Amino acid sequence: MNQGDYVLISPDLTQLKEWVRGQIIDVEDNPFNGKVISARTSDGNIFFGVINLFRPAA
């Protein structure tokens, strides 16, 4: 996953019932957590978390 890619964001981050579509705005190699992704949804909210909380969007 790279900056600009579209992803689905886990309900564990969004506190919603379903996965939400967003666009990656930053990918960080964190020495403690591994890859951390920041993604912005269409309504402007930004969510960030470890890579396993995101899925590639079709």
PDB file of N, CA and C in Angstrom:
ATOM      1  N   MET A   1       0.835  -1.177   0.000  1.00  0.00           N
ATOM      2  CA  MET A   1       0.000   0.000   0.000  1.00  0.00           C
ATOM      3  C   MET A   1       0.882   1.243   0.000  1.00  0.00           C
ATOM      4  N   ASN A   2       0.519   2.163  -0.855  1.00  0.00           N
ATOM      5  CA  ASN A   2       1.305   3.382  -1.028  1.00  0.00           C
ATOM      6  C   ASN A   2       0.416   4.615  -0.914  1.00  0.00           C
ATOM      7  N   GLN A   3       1.058   5.753  -0.736  1.00  0.00           N
ATOM      8  CA  GLN A   3       0.337   7.016  -0.666  1.00  0.00           C
ATOM      9  C   GLN A   3      -0.479   7.201  -1.946  1.00  0.00           C
ATOM     10  N   GLY A   4      -1.742   7.600  -1.810  1.00  0.00           N
ATOM     11  CA  GLY A   4      -2.627   7.792  -2.953  1.00  0.00           C
ATOM     12  C   GLY A   4      -3.528   6.606  -3.242  1.00  0.00           C
ATOM     13  N   ASP A   5      -3.191   5.424  -2.715  1.00  0.00           N
ATOM     14  CA  ASP A   5      -4.031   4.241  -2.916  1.00  0.00           C
ATOM     15  C   ASP A   5      -5.319   4.371  -2.112  1.00  0.00           C
ATOM     16  N   TYR A   6      -6.375   3.713  -2.603  1.00  0.00           N
ATOM     17  CA  TYR A   6      -7.637   3.673  -1.874  1.00  0.00           C
ATOM     18  C   TYR A   6      -7.687   2.405  -1.035  1.00  0.00           C
ATOM     19  N   VAL A   7      -8.199   2.551   0.182  1.00  0.00           N
ATOM     20  CA  VAL A   7      -8.270   1.432   1.116  1.00  0.00           C
ATOM     21  C   VAL A   7      -9.627   1.416   1.801  1.00  0.00           C
ATOM     22  N   LEU A   8      -9.924   0.288   2.422  1.00  0.00           N
ATOM     23  CA  LEU A   8     -11.064   0.177   3.310  1.00  0.00           C
ATOM     24  C   LEU A   8     -10.520   0.223   4.729  1.00  0.00           C
ATOM     25  N   ILE A   9     -11.166   1.021   5.577  1.00  0.00           N
ATOM     26  CA  ILE A   9     -10.695   1.243   6.938  1.00  0.00           C
ATOM     27  C   ILE A   9     -11.568   0.446   7.905  1.00  0.00           C
ATOM     28  N   SER A  10     -10.934  -0.275   8.795  1.00  0.00           N
ATOM     29  CA  SER A  10     -11.603  -1.165   9.735  1.00  0.00           C
ATOM     30  C   SER A  10     -12.552  -0.425  10.678  1.00  0.00           C
ATOM     31  N   PRO A  11     -13.667  -1.061  11.019  1.00  0.00           N
ATOM     32  CA  PRO A  11     -14.566  -0.506  12.033  1.00  0.00           C
ATOM     33  C   PRO A  11     -13.891  -0.346  13.397  1.00  0.00           C
ATOM     34  N   ASP A  12     -12.802  -1.064  13.644  1.00  0.00           N
ATOM     35  CA  ASP A  12     -12.051  -0.900  14.893  1.00  0.00           C
ATOM     36  C   ASP A  12     -11.498   0.514  15.021  1.00  0.00           C
ATOM     37  N   LEU A  13     -11.226   1.166  13.906  1.00  0.00           N
ATOM     38  CA  LEU A  13     -10.733   2.545  13.925  1.00  0.00           C
ATOM     39  C   LEU A  13     -11.864   3.559  13.837  1.00  0.00           C
ATOM     40  N   THR A  14     -12.847   3.281  12.989  1.00  0.00           N
ATOM     41  CA  THR A  14     -13.885   4.270  12.709  1.00  0.00           C
ATOM     42  C   THR A  14     -15.042   4.235  13.699  1.00  0.00           C
ATOM     43  N   GLN A  15     -15.195   3.138  14.431  1.00  0.00           N
ATOM     44  CA  GLN A  15     -16.317   2.932  15.348  1.00  0.00           C
ATOM     45  C   GLN A  15     -17.658   2.886  14.614  1.00  0.00           C
ATOM     46  N   LEU A  16     -17.629   2.558  13.314  1.00  0.00           N
ATOM     47  CA  LEU A  16     -18.844   2.383  12.530  1.00  0.00           C
ATOM     48  C   LEU A  16     -19.110   0.896  12.351  1.00  0.00           C
ATOM     49  N   LYS A  17     -20.248   0.541  11.778  1.00  0.00           N
ATOM     50  CA  LYS A  17     -20.605  -0.872  11.621  1.00  0.00           C
ATOM     51  C   LYS A  17     -19.914  -1.542  10.440  1.00  0.00           C
ATOM     52  N   GLU A  18     -19.554  -0.752   9.429  1.00  0.00           N
ATOM     53  CA  GLU A  18     -18.962  -1.317   8.212  1.00  0.00           C
ATOM     54  C   GLU A  18     -17.613  -0.684   7.916  1.00  0.00           C
ATOM     55  N   TRP A  19     -16.853  -1.350   7.054  1.00  0.00           N
ATOM     56  CA  TRP A  19     -15.574  -0.808   6.593  1.00  0.00           C
ATOM     57  C   TRP A  19     -15.854   0.431   5.750  1.00  0.00           C
ATOM     58  N   VAL A  20     -15.027   1.460   5.887  1.00  0.00           N
ATOM     59  CA  VAL A  20     -15.213   2.740   5.197  1.00  0.00           C
ATOM     60  C   VAL A  20     -14.081   2.944   4.194  1.00  0.00           C
ATOM     61  N   ARG A  21     -14.417   3.494   3.036  1.00  0.00           N
ATOM     62  CA  ARG A  21     -13.423   3.750   1.992  1.00  0.00           C
ATOM     63  C   ARG A  21     -12.679   5.054   2.288  1.00  0.00           C
ATOM     64  N   GLY A  22     -11.364   5.036   2.064  1.00  0.00           N
ATOM     65  CA  GLY A  22     -10.546   6.226   2.243  1.00  0.00           C
ATOM     66  C   GLY A  22      -9.327   6.176   1.345  1.00  0.00           C
ATOM     67  N   GLN A  23      -8.583   7.268   1.312  1.00  0.00           N
ATOM     68  CA  GLN A  23      -7.372   7.352   0.499  1.00  0.00           C
ATOM     69  C   GLN A  23      -6.179   7.547   1.418  1.00  0.00           C
ATOM     70  N   ILE A  24      -5.122   6.793   1.166  1.00  0.00           N
ATOM     71  CA  ILE A  24      -3.922   6.880   1.987  1.00  0.00           C
ATOM     72  C   ILE A  24      -3.247   8.230   1.773  1.00  0.00           C
ATOM     73  N   ILE A  25      -2.961   8.926   2.871  1.00  0.00           N
ATOM     74  CA  ILE A  25      -2.275  10.211   2.788  1.00  0.00           C
ATOM     75  C   ILE A  25      -0.857  10.127   3.351  1.00  0.00           C
ATOM     76  N   ASP A  26      -0.549   9.038   4.100  1.00  0.00           N
ATOM     77  CA  ASP A  26       0.798   8.885   4.655  1.00  0.00           C
ATOM     78  C   ASP A  26       1.031   7.435   5.042  1.00  0.00           C
ATOM     79  N   VAL A  27       2.259   6.957   4.800  1.00  0.00           N
ATOM     80  CA  VAL A  27       2.698   5.634   5.242  1.00  0.00           C
ATOM     81  C   VAL A  27       3.986   5.838   6.029  1.00  0.00           C
ATOM     82  N   GLU A  28       3.993   5.360   7.255  1.00  0.00           N
ATOM     83  CA  GLU A  28       5.146   5.555   8.147  1.00  0.00           C
ATOM     84  C   GLU A  28       5.691   4.205   8.600  1.00  0.00           C
ATOM     85  N   ASP A  29       7.010   4.063   8.591  1.00  0.00           N
ATOM     86  CA  ASP A  29       7.649   2.887   9.154  1.00  0.00           C
ATOM     87  C   ASP A  29       7.985   3.189  10.601  1.00  0.00           C
ATOM     88  N   ASN A  30       7.110   2.773  11.508  1.00  0.00           N
ATOM     89  CA  ASN A  30       7.270   3.032  12.927  1.00  0.00           C
ATOM     90  C   ASN A  30       8.114   1.925  13.537  1.00  0.00           C
ATOM     91  N   PRO A  31       9.189   2.252  14.272  1.00  0.00           N
ATOM     92  CA  PRO A  31      10.056   1.207  14.823  1.00  0.00           C
ATOM     93  C   PRO A  31       9.370   0.341  15.882  1.00  0.00           C
ATOM     94  N   PHE A  32       8.279   0.798  16.463  1.00  0.00           N
ATOM     95  CA  PHE A  32       7.593   0.038  17.505  1.00  0.00           C
ATOM     96  C   PHE A  32       6.389  -0.731  16.990  1.00  0.00           C
ATOM     97  N   ASN A  33       5.659  -0.156  16.036  1.00  0.00           N
ATOM     98  CA  ASN A  33       4.417  -0.758  15.548  1.00  0.00           C
ATOM     99  C   ASN A  33       4.494  -1.305  14.132  1.00  0.00           C
ATOM    100  N   GLY A  34       5.583  -1.120  13.430  1.00  0.00           N
ATOM    101  CA  GLY A  34       5.669  -1.515  12.029  1.00  0.00           C
ATOM    102  C   GLY A  34       5.078  -0.425  11.149  1.00  0.00           C
ATOM    103  N   LYS A  35       4.463  -0.822  10.034  1.00  0.00           N
ATOM    104  CA  LYS A  35       3.878   0.180   9.123  1.00  0.00           C
ATOM    105  C   LYS A  35       2.606   0.757   9.719  1.00  0.00           C
ATOM    106  N   VAL A  36       2.546   2.083   9.742  1.00  0.00           N
ATOM    107  CA  VAL A  36       1.367   2.806  10.212  1.00  0.00           C
ATOM    108  C   VAL A  36       0.833   3.623   9.036  1.00  0.00           C
ATOM    109  N   ILE A  37      -0.470   3.482   8.780  1.00  0.00           N
ATOM    110  CA  ILE A  37      -1.104   4.142   7.642  1.00  0.00           C
ATOM    111  C   ILE A  37      -2.052   5.227   8.142  1.00  0.00           C
ATOM    112  N   SER A  38      -2.050   6.369   7.461  1.00  0.00           N
ATOM    113  CA  SER A  38      -3.032   7.436   7.694  1.00  0.00           C
ATOM    114  C   SER A  38      -3.873   7.543   6.434  1.00  0.00           C
ATOM    115  N   ALA A  39      -5.192   7.543   6.608  1.00  0.00           N
ATOM    116  CA  ALA A  39      -6.100   7.618   5.458  1.00  0.00           C
ATOM    117  C   ALA A  39      -7.213   8.610   5.731  1.00  0.00           C
ATOM    118  N   ARG A  40      -7.603   9.330   4.669  1.00  0.00           N
ATOM    119  CA  ARG A  40      -8.674  10.330   4.758  1.00  0.00           C
ATOM    120  C   ARG A  40      -9.911   9.800   4.050  1.00  0.00           C
ATOM    121  N   THR A  41     -11.060   9.927   4.702  1.00  0.00           N
ATOM    122  CA  THR A  41     -12.327   9.513   4.104  1.00  0.00           C
ATOM    123  C   THR A  41     -12.900  10.665   3.274  1.00  0.00           C
ATOM    124  N   SER A  42     -13.961  10.386   2.531  1.00  0.00           N
ATOM    125  CA  SER A  42     -14.554  11.408   1.661  1.00  0.00           C
ATOM    126  C   SER A  42     -15.149  12.572   2.451  1.00  0.00           C
ATOM    127  N   ASP A  43     -15.504  12.350   3.722  1.00  0.00           N
ATOM    128  CA  ASP A  43     -16.049  13.448   4.534  1.00  0.00           C
ATOM    129  C   ASP A  43     -14.966  14.215   5.289  1.00  0.00           C
ATOM    130  N   GLY A  44     -13.696  13.898   5.018  1.00  0.00           N
ATOM    131  CA  GLY A  44     -12.577  14.653   5.573  1.00  0.00           C
ATOM    132  C   GLY A  44     -11.990  14.114   6.862  1.00  0.00           C
ATOM    133  N   ASN A  45     -12.568  13.052   7.428  1.00  0.00           N
ATOM    134  CA  ASN A  45     -12.003  12.466   8.637  1.00  0.00           C
ATOM    135  C   ASN A  45     -10.728  11.712   8.320  1.00  0.00           C
ATOM    136  N   ILE A  46      -9.766  11.767   9.222  1.00  0.00           N
ATOM    137  CA  ILE A  46      -8.495  11.070   9.037  1.00  0.00           C
ATOM    138  C   ILE A  46      -8.367  10.014  10.123  1.00  0.00           C
ATOM    139  N   PHE A  47      -8.039   8.804   9.704  1.00  0.00           N
ATOM    140  CA  PHE A  47      -7.836   7.686  10.618  1.00  0.00           C
ATOM    141  C   PHE A  47      -6.434   7.135  10.395  1.00  0.00           C
ATOM    142  N   PHE A  48      -5.793   6.700  11.477  1.00  0.00           N
ATOM    143  CA  PHE A  48      -4.477   6.095  11.334  1.00  0.00           C
ATOM    144  C   PHE A  48      -4.362   4.892  12.255  1.00  0.00           C
ATOM    145  N   GLY A  49      -3.576   3.925  11.800  1.00  0.00           N
ATOM    146  CA  GLY A  49      -3.383   2.715  12.574  1.00  0.00           C
ATOM    147  C   GLY A  49      -2.434   1.781  11.857  1.00  0.00           C
ATOM    148  N   VAL A  50      -2.186   0.624  12.487  1.00  0.00           N
ATOM    149  CA  VAL A  50      -1.272  -0.349  11.904  1.00  0.00           C
ATOM    150  C   VAL A  50      -1.888  -0.936  10.629  1.00  0.00           C
ATOM    151  N   ILE A  51      -1.043  -1.465   9.790  1.00  0.00           N
ATOM    152  CA  ILE A  51      -1.442  -1.869   8.439  1.00  0.00           C
ATOM    153  C   ILE A  51      -2.538  -2.925   8.405  1.00  0.00           C
ATOM    154  N   ASN A  52      -2.632  -3.768   9.439  1.00  0.00           N
ATOM    155  CA  ASN A  52      -3.641  -4.816   9.399  1.00  0.00           C
ATOM    156  C   ASN A  52      -5.064  -4.306   9.623  1.00  0.00           C
ATOM    157  N   LEU A  53      -5.240  -3.017   9.909  1.00  0.00           N
ATOM    158  CA  LEU A  53      -6.560  -2.410  10.070  1.00  0.00           C
ATOM    159  C   LEU A  53      -7.068  -1.791   8.766  1.00  0.00           C
ATOM    160  N   PHE A  54      -6.348  -2.027   7.670  1.00  0.00           N
ATOM    161  CA  PHE A  54      -6.692  -1.500   6.358  1.00  0.00           C
ATOM    162  C   PHE A  54      -6.674  -2.635   5.346  1.00  0.00           C
ATOM    163  N   ARG A  55      -7.568  -2.541   4.341  1.00  0.00           N
ATOM    164  CA  ARG A  55      -7.603  -3.494   3.227  1.00  0.00           C
ATOM    165  C   ARG A  55      -7.579  -2.704   1.928  1.00  0.00           C
ATOM    166  N   PRO A  56      -6.940  -3.255   0.901  1.00  0.00           N
ATOM    167  CA  PRO A  56      -6.999  -2.572  -0.406  1.00  0.00           C
ATOM    168  C   PRO A  56      -8.447  -2.494  -0.880  1.00  0.00           C
ATOM    169  N   ALA A  57      -8.842  -1.361  -1.420  1.00  0.00           N
ATOM    170  CA  ALA A  57     -10.199  -1.187  -1.956  1.00  0.00           C
ATOM    171  C   ALA A  57     -10.234  -1.620  -3.409  1.00  0.00           C
ATOM    172  N   ALA A  58     -11.328  -2.219  -3.788  1.00  0.00           N
ATOM    173  CA  ALA A  58     -11.466  -2.709  -5.172  1.00  0.00           C
ATOM    174  C   ALA A  58     -11.823  -1.583  -6.106  1.00  0.00           C
TER     175      ALA A  58
END
